Each structure stands twice: as C-alpha cells, then as structure tokens.
Protein backbone atom coordinates (compact mmCIF):
# COMPACT_ATOMS: atom_id res chain seq x y z
CA MET A 1 0.02 0.13 0.04
CA ALA A 2 1.62 3.48 -1.33
CA ASN A 3 0.02 6.08 0.97
CA ILE A 4 1.64 9.20 1.86
CA VAL A 5 1.48 10.32 5.62
CA PHE A 6 2.79 13.74 6.92
CA ASP A 7 3.10 13.59 10.46
CA GLY A 8 3.67 16.79 12.23
CA VAL A 9 5.84 17.94 9.65
CA GLU A 10 7.64 21.41 9.36
CA LYS A 11 10.34 22.77 7.16
CA LYS A 12 12.47 25.71 8.00
CA PHE A 13 15.06 27.20 5.85
CA THR A 14 17.89 29.71 6.49
CA GLN A 15 18.39 32.58 4.09
CA GLY A 16 20.77 35.60 4.82
CA GLY A 17 21.67 34.32 8.04
CA LYS A 18 17.96 34.36 9.33
CA GLU A 19 15.97 31.45 9.74
CA PHE A 20 12.35 31.13 8.48
CA LEU A 21 9.37 28.70 8.62
CA ALA A 22 8.54 27.55 4.97
CA VAL A 23 5.77 24.90 5.76
CA GLY A 24 4.07 25.27 9.14
CA GLU A 25 3.09 21.98 11.07
CA THR A 26 1.35 19.68 8.55
CA ASN A 27 -0.64 16.50 9.23
CA PHE A 28 -2.30 14.93 6.29
CA THR A 29 -2.68 11.64 4.47
CA VAL A 30 -2.81 10.73 0.76
CA ALA A 31 -4.47 7.46 0.57
CA ASP A 32 -3.16 4.46 -1.75
CA LYS A 33 -3.86 5.22 -5.40
CA GLU A 34 -5.39 8.37 -4.50
CA PHE A 35 -4.77 11.71 -7.01
CA VAL A 36 -4.25 14.83 -4.77
CA ALA A 37 -3.35 18.15 -6.17
CA ILE A 38 -1.92 21.04 -4.12
CA VAL A 39 -2.73 24.66 -5.00
CA GLY A 40 -1.80 27.78 -2.95
CA PRO A 41 0.13 31.29 -3.52
CA SER A 42 3.60 31.30 -4.76
CA GLY A 43 6.06 30.41 -2.02
CA CYS A 44 3.66 28.82 0.21
CA GLY A 45 5.62 25.63 0.45
CA LYS A 46 3.75 23.29 -2.40
CA THR A 47 6.93 22.25 -3.94
CA THR A 48 9.01 21.93 -0.65
CA CYS A 49 6.19 19.46 0.69
CA LEU A 50 6.47 17.53 -2.83
CA ARG A 51 10.46 17.49 -2.47
CA MET A 52 10.34 16.29 1.33
CA VAL A 53 8.19 13.34 -0.08
CA ALA A 54 10.69 12.46 -2.79
CA GLY A 55 13.50 12.55 -0.27
CA PHE A 56 15.10 15.57 -1.70
CA GLU A 57 14.55 17.61 1.43
CA ALA A 58 14.17 16.67 4.93
CA PRO A 59 11.56 17.74 7.38
CA THR A 60 12.92 20.08 10.24
CA LYS A 61 10.50 18.33 12.58
CA GLY A 62 8.10 15.46 12.14
CA VAL A 63 8.42 12.46 9.52
CA ILE A 64 6.81 11.68 6.27
CA ARG A 65 5.97 8.01 5.46
CA VAL A 66 5.38 6.34 2.15
CA GLY A 67 3.82 2.81 2.44
CA GLY A 68 4.60 2.80 6.18
CA GLU A 69 8.41 3.32 5.85
CA VAL A 70 9.86 6.76 6.76
CA VAL A 71 11.51 8.80 3.83
CA THR A 72 14.97 9.35 4.52
CA ARG A 73 16.30 9.81 0.96
CA PRO A 74 15.05 9.27 -2.79
CA GLY A 75 13.83 5.84 -3.64
CA PRO A 76 12.49 3.85 -6.60
CA ASP A 77 9.15 3.63 -4.88
CA ARG A 78 8.59 7.50 -5.70
CA ALA A 79 9.16 8.88 -9.20
CA VAL A 80 9.25 12.42 -9.90
CA VAL A 81 7.90 14.44 -13.01
CA PHE A 82 9.18 18.00 -13.28
CA GLN A 83 8.01 21.09 -15.36
CA GLN A 84 11.11 20.74 -17.33
CA PHE A 85 11.08 17.65 -19.10
CA ALA A 86 14.64 16.73 -17.93
CA LEU A 87 15.02 14.22 -20.98
CA PHE A 88 18.44 12.94 -21.93
CA PRO A 89 18.93 14.78 -25.47
CA TRP A 90 21.33 12.18 -26.85
CA LYS A 91 19.19 9.38 -26.17
CA THR A 92 15.85 8.16 -28.03
CA VAL A 93 12.48 8.02 -26.78
CA LEU A 94 12.81 4.36 -26.03
CA ASP A 95 16.16 4.67 -24.31
CA ASN A 96 15.11 7.60 -22.27
CA ILE A 97 12.02 5.54 -21.16
CA THR A 98 13.90 2.66 -20.33
CA PHE A 99 17.15 4.40 -18.73
CA GLY A 100 15.74 3.65 -15.17
CA LEU A 101 14.92 0.05 -15.93
CA LYS A 102 18.44 -0.50 -17.24
CA ALA A 103 19.95 0.95 -14.05
CA MET A 104 17.61 -1.67 -12.17
CA GLY A 105 19.59 -4.28 -14.12
CA LEU A 106 16.64 -5.43 -16.15
CA ASP A 107 17.62 -7.41 -19.29
CA GLU A 108 17.02 -5.62 -22.74
CA ALA A 109 13.72 -7.76 -23.65
CA GLU A 110 12.01 -7.19 -20.28
CA ARG A 111 12.69 -3.26 -20.63
CA ASN A 112 11.53 -3.16 -24.10
CA ILE A 113 8.23 -5.17 -23.19
CA ARG A 114 7.59 -2.72 -20.11
CA ALA A 115 8.52 0.35 -22.22
CA SER A 116 6.02 -0.81 -25.05
CA ASN A 117 3.23 -0.91 -23.01
CA LEU A 118 3.63 2.73 -21.75
CA ILE A 119 4.50 4.00 -25.02
CA THR A 120 1.07 2.67 -26.22
CA LEU A 121 -0.76 4.11 -23.09
CA VAL A 122 0.72 7.72 -23.53
CA GLY A 123 0.27 7.57 -27.45
CA LEU A 124 3.90 7.52 -28.70
CA GLU A 125 3.69 4.64 -31.02
CA GLY A 126 5.91 5.20 -33.92
CA TYR A 127 8.36 7.70 -32.12
CA GLU A 128 10.52 5.04 -30.29
CA ALA A 129 13.52 5.98 -32.45
CA ALA A 130 13.05 9.83 -32.40
CA TYR A 131 15.17 12.19 -30.22
CA PRO A 132 13.59 14.68 -27.89
CA HIS A 133 14.39 17.72 -30.32
CA GLN A 134 12.31 15.97 -32.80
CA LEU A 135 9.35 15.96 -30.52
CA SER A 136 6.93 18.82 -29.49
CA GLY A 137 6.79 19.89 -25.78
CA GLY A 138 3.93 17.77 -25.07
CA MET A 139 5.32 14.67 -26.80
CA GLN A 140 8.45 15.31 -24.59
CA GLN A 141 6.26 15.39 -21.50
CA ARG A 142 4.70 12.12 -22.46
CA VAL A 143 8.20 10.65 -22.61
CA ALA A 144 8.70 11.94 -19.07
CA ILE A 145 5.41 10.52 -17.86
CA ALA A 146 6.16 7.26 -19.43
CA ARG A 147 9.61 7.26 -17.96
CA ALA A 148 8.13 7.54 -14.37
CA TYR A 149 5.52 5.04 -14.92
CA VAL A 150 7.38 2.42 -16.32
CA LEU A 151 9.51 2.03 -12.88
CA ASP A 152 6.25 0.92 -11.45
CA PRO A 153 6.42 3.23 -8.54
CA GLY A 154 3.91 3.14 -6.00
CA VAL A 155 3.83 7.08 -5.69
CA LEU A 156 3.99 9.53 -8.63
CA LEU A 157 5.23 13.15 -7.60
CA MET A 158 4.51 15.92 -10.24
CA ASP A 159 5.62 19.17 -9.91
CA GLU A 160 3.78 21.61 -12.52
CA PRO A 161 4.44 19.08 -15.17
CA PHE A 162 2.32 20.86 -17.64
CA GLY A 163 3.55 24.61 -16.82
CA ALA A 164 5.80 24.68 -19.63
CA LEU A 165 3.27 23.89 -22.22
CA ASP A 166 1.09 25.93 -24.49
CA ALA A 167 -2.61 26.10 -23.51
CA GLN A 168 -3.79 23.58 -26.26
CA THR A 169 -0.98 21.20 -25.39
CA ARG A 170 -1.73 21.52 -21.72
CA VAL A 171 -5.33 20.70 -21.96
CA VAL A 172 -4.45 17.67 -24.21
CA MET A 173 -1.92 16.49 -21.57
CA GLN A 174 -4.39 17.03 -18.89
CA GLU A 175 -6.97 14.63 -20.76
CA GLU A 176 -4.32 12.04 -21.27
CA LEU A 177 -3.30 12.11 -17.66
CA VAL A 178 -6.78 11.33 -16.70
CA LYS A 179 -6.93 8.36 -18.86
CA LEU A 180 -3.44 7.12 -17.68
CA ALA A 181 -4.63 7.75 -13.89
CA ARG A 182 -7.69 5.82 -14.58
CA LYS A 183 -6.15 2.81 -16.37
CA ASN A 184 -3.05 2.68 -14.44
CA PRO A 185 -3.61 4.22 -10.95
CA ARG A 186 -0.81 5.24 -8.66
CA THR A 187 -0.74 7.40 -5.58
CA VAL A 188 -0.14 10.80 -7.01
CA LEU A 189 0.92 14.20 -5.44
CA PHE A 190 0.48 17.05 -8.03
CA ILE A 191 1.66 20.60 -7.73
CA THR A 192 -0.05 23.09 -9.98
CA HIS A 193 -1.12 27.00 -9.80
CA ALA A 194 -4.01 26.33 -12.21
CA VAL A 195 -7.15 25.72 -10.22
CA GLU A 196 -8.99 24.37 -13.19
CA GLU A 197 -6.22 21.70 -13.65
CA ALA A 198 -6.55 20.73 -10.01
CA VAL A 199 -10.27 20.44 -10.12
CA TYR A 200 -10.27 18.34 -13.38
CA LEU A 201 -7.51 15.84 -12.34
CA ALA A 202 -7.57 15.30 -8.71
CA ASP A 203 -9.66 13.02 -6.33
CA ARG A 204 -8.94 15.92 -3.56
CA VAL A 205 -7.64 19.38 -3.69
CA VAL A 206 -5.53 20.72 -1.01
CA VAL A 207 -5.69 24.47 -0.45
CA MET A 208 -2.50 25.81 1.21
CA SER A 209 -2.12 29.28 3.02
CA ARG A 210 0.58 31.78 2.24
CA ARG A 211 4.14 31.43 4.30
CA PRO A 212 4.33 29.58 6.40
CA GLY A 213 2.45 27.03 4.34
CA LEU A 214 -0.51 25.54 6.21
CA ILE A 215 -3.50 23.39 4.84
CA LYS A 216 -6.23 25.63 4.89
CA GLU A 217 -8.83 23.30 3.40
CA VAL A 218 -9.23 20.11 1.77
CA ILE A 219 -11.90 19.93 -1.14
CA ASP A 220 -13.25 16.49 -1.84
CA VAL A 221 -13.80 16.45 -5.82
CA LYS A 222 -13.97 12.68 -6.29
CA LYS A 223 -17.46 12.41 -4.84
CA ILE A 224 -18.75 15.11 -6.93
CA ARG A 225 -17.14 13.66 -10.16
CA GLN A 226 -18.70 10.42 -9.34
CA ASP A 227 -22.07 12.00 -8.76
CA GLU A 228 -22.04 14.11 -11.88
CA CYS A 229 -20.49 11.28 -13.99
CA TRP A 230 -17.18 13.01 -15.01
CA ASP A 231 -14.78 10.16 -16.17
CA GLU A 232 -11.78 9.85 -18.56
CA HIS A 233 -14.36 9.81 -21.59
CA VAL A 234 -15.57 13.39 -20.82
CA ARG A 235 -13.76 16.14 -22.54
CA ILE A 236 -12.40 19.02 -20.25
CA GLU A 237 -14.26 21.93 -22.06
CA ASP A 238 -17.51 19.96 -21.37
CA VAL A 239 -16.54 19.34 -17.60
CA MET A 240 -15.75 22.93 -17.34
CA ASP A 241 -19.36 23.78 -18.18
CA LEU A 242 -20.82 21.75 -15.56
CA SER A 243 -22.35 23.70 -12.73
CA SER A 244 -20.62 21.46 -10.29
CA PHE A 245 -17.21 22.26 -11.65
CA VAL A 246 -17.81 26.09 -11.77
CA HIS A 247 -18.84 25.91 -8.06
CA LEU A 248 -15.82 23.96 -7.11
CA ARG A 249 -13.49 26.28 -9.05
CA SER A 250 -14.85 29.40 -7.62
CA GLN A 251 -14.88 27.84 -3.83
CA ILE A 252 -10.99 27.19 -4.35
CA TRP A 253 -10.38 30.51 -6.01
CA LYS A 254 -12.14 32.32 -2.92
CA LEU A 255 -9.89 30.45 -0.63
CA LEU A 256 -6.89 31.48 -2.73
CA ARG A 257 -7.98 35.07 -2.98
CA GLU A 258 -8.22 35.28 0.94
CA GLN A 259 -4.29 34.57 1.03
CA HIS A 260 -3.35 37.52 -0.97
C-alpha cells in the first residue's frame, strides 16, 4: 500500500543568516492510489512538500512516511515528473523511457516489453527511435511521464508538469493524464498553480495558505465527480461547463484570494 503520511511535518530554511518557517505543522494523508493536487500562493511551500516526499529535502520536524516507511532519501518507490522535461537529448524516446529500468538491472527484452506498454498508453507509437529535439513539448512530457510510470512506482510526484506547455497542449496532456491515471492508477501528489487543472485531475484538492504554508482546506472532488459522472471519456471543455465544476473552481479561488 503506497499511501503518503505527513506526521507533524515542519520545514525551516536559512536565508541571509535568518531562519524562516516555509511549511508550518502539517498532518495529512494521501490514500493509496489517490490523486491529490496542491494549490496555493507562490512561495507557500507546495514544491517543498513534494520535495520532502521525494526525499530531496528532509523535514525540520516530524516525519513523512510512504507505504509505512519513513522517507530519508530518494527511492524507486517514488518517481518524479518535473515542469522541465529533463530528458537525455542524446537518447531516443525508447532509451529515455528504459533508462531507469537499465539502471535497475533488467535485461533488454524485459525493458522493451515494459516500455512498449507505456508507449502505447501515452500515445507515442512510432516515435520510439526519435530524439527529444524532434518532439513537441507535449510529446516530450509524455516521454517524461512514461519514464516515471515504467518504473512501476507506488507514488508519482508531479511538480507543475504542464506548466511549460502552451494552453492547447496543456489541455490535451490533462486529458491524457486522466486516462492514464484511471487505467493505471498510482498514488499521485500533483503541484499546480492552475485551479481548473487541479479540479479536473484530482480526487482531492489541498489549498495551502501563504507562508508559512499550512493546509487551509481540503476539497473532495471525487465524490462530486462520481455524482456528476465525470470520467476519462468526458472532454475537459464539457466538464468545465458543468455547474458542479464551476462551483468547485469558485470555492477554491475564493480560498486562494483570501491569501493575497
């Protein structure tokens, strides 16, 4: 079971010789295979929370557990997708996706089988031999997502993965991620500034306060989505016209506005 537990977590940094609290005491659980999005003002500690789960940063106080184990360092049970695609420019799509599998010691046949399944899921058939510079931004991010998924991690950590994409490509990638998340669910912690994106993608949306970052409110989207029959077959523009979507978006915007 790959749940994420924040247990009394705080994070302080030192800047210019002065210590400041970036993330205030946080207690929160992301359930196994739940998709949780975090929104909040710039500098509120969203990415810091994700980095602590990834093992890139250590809490100043409290502990973070993934699957019951205390996080002390990065590990293969947690894969990260960044805003910048971070692909190896000298490697093909296939080689980028299988890089982590090769490092894990899997033989070529097994690597290619696992990569082939993900390539199909993210719609990159026919581009296996292409290099990153030959791909659009959206396609490069598909490679990055496939590279994360192919490791079969319990937890997927996504730090504004669509932030560098143009508006149209971003919508397409949101729809693709919804389909992938429904077909191949993982525990997902997703950081975004876009309220519409958070409501469309997530089971729950966590709204954080300005620094020191604290959880201001948690919005349950999944129940409303199930009641309104949103699923991976409904296009985002149709979902955004639903009164339930408009209400959730307005509710979250009001909470964020209070932080400015």
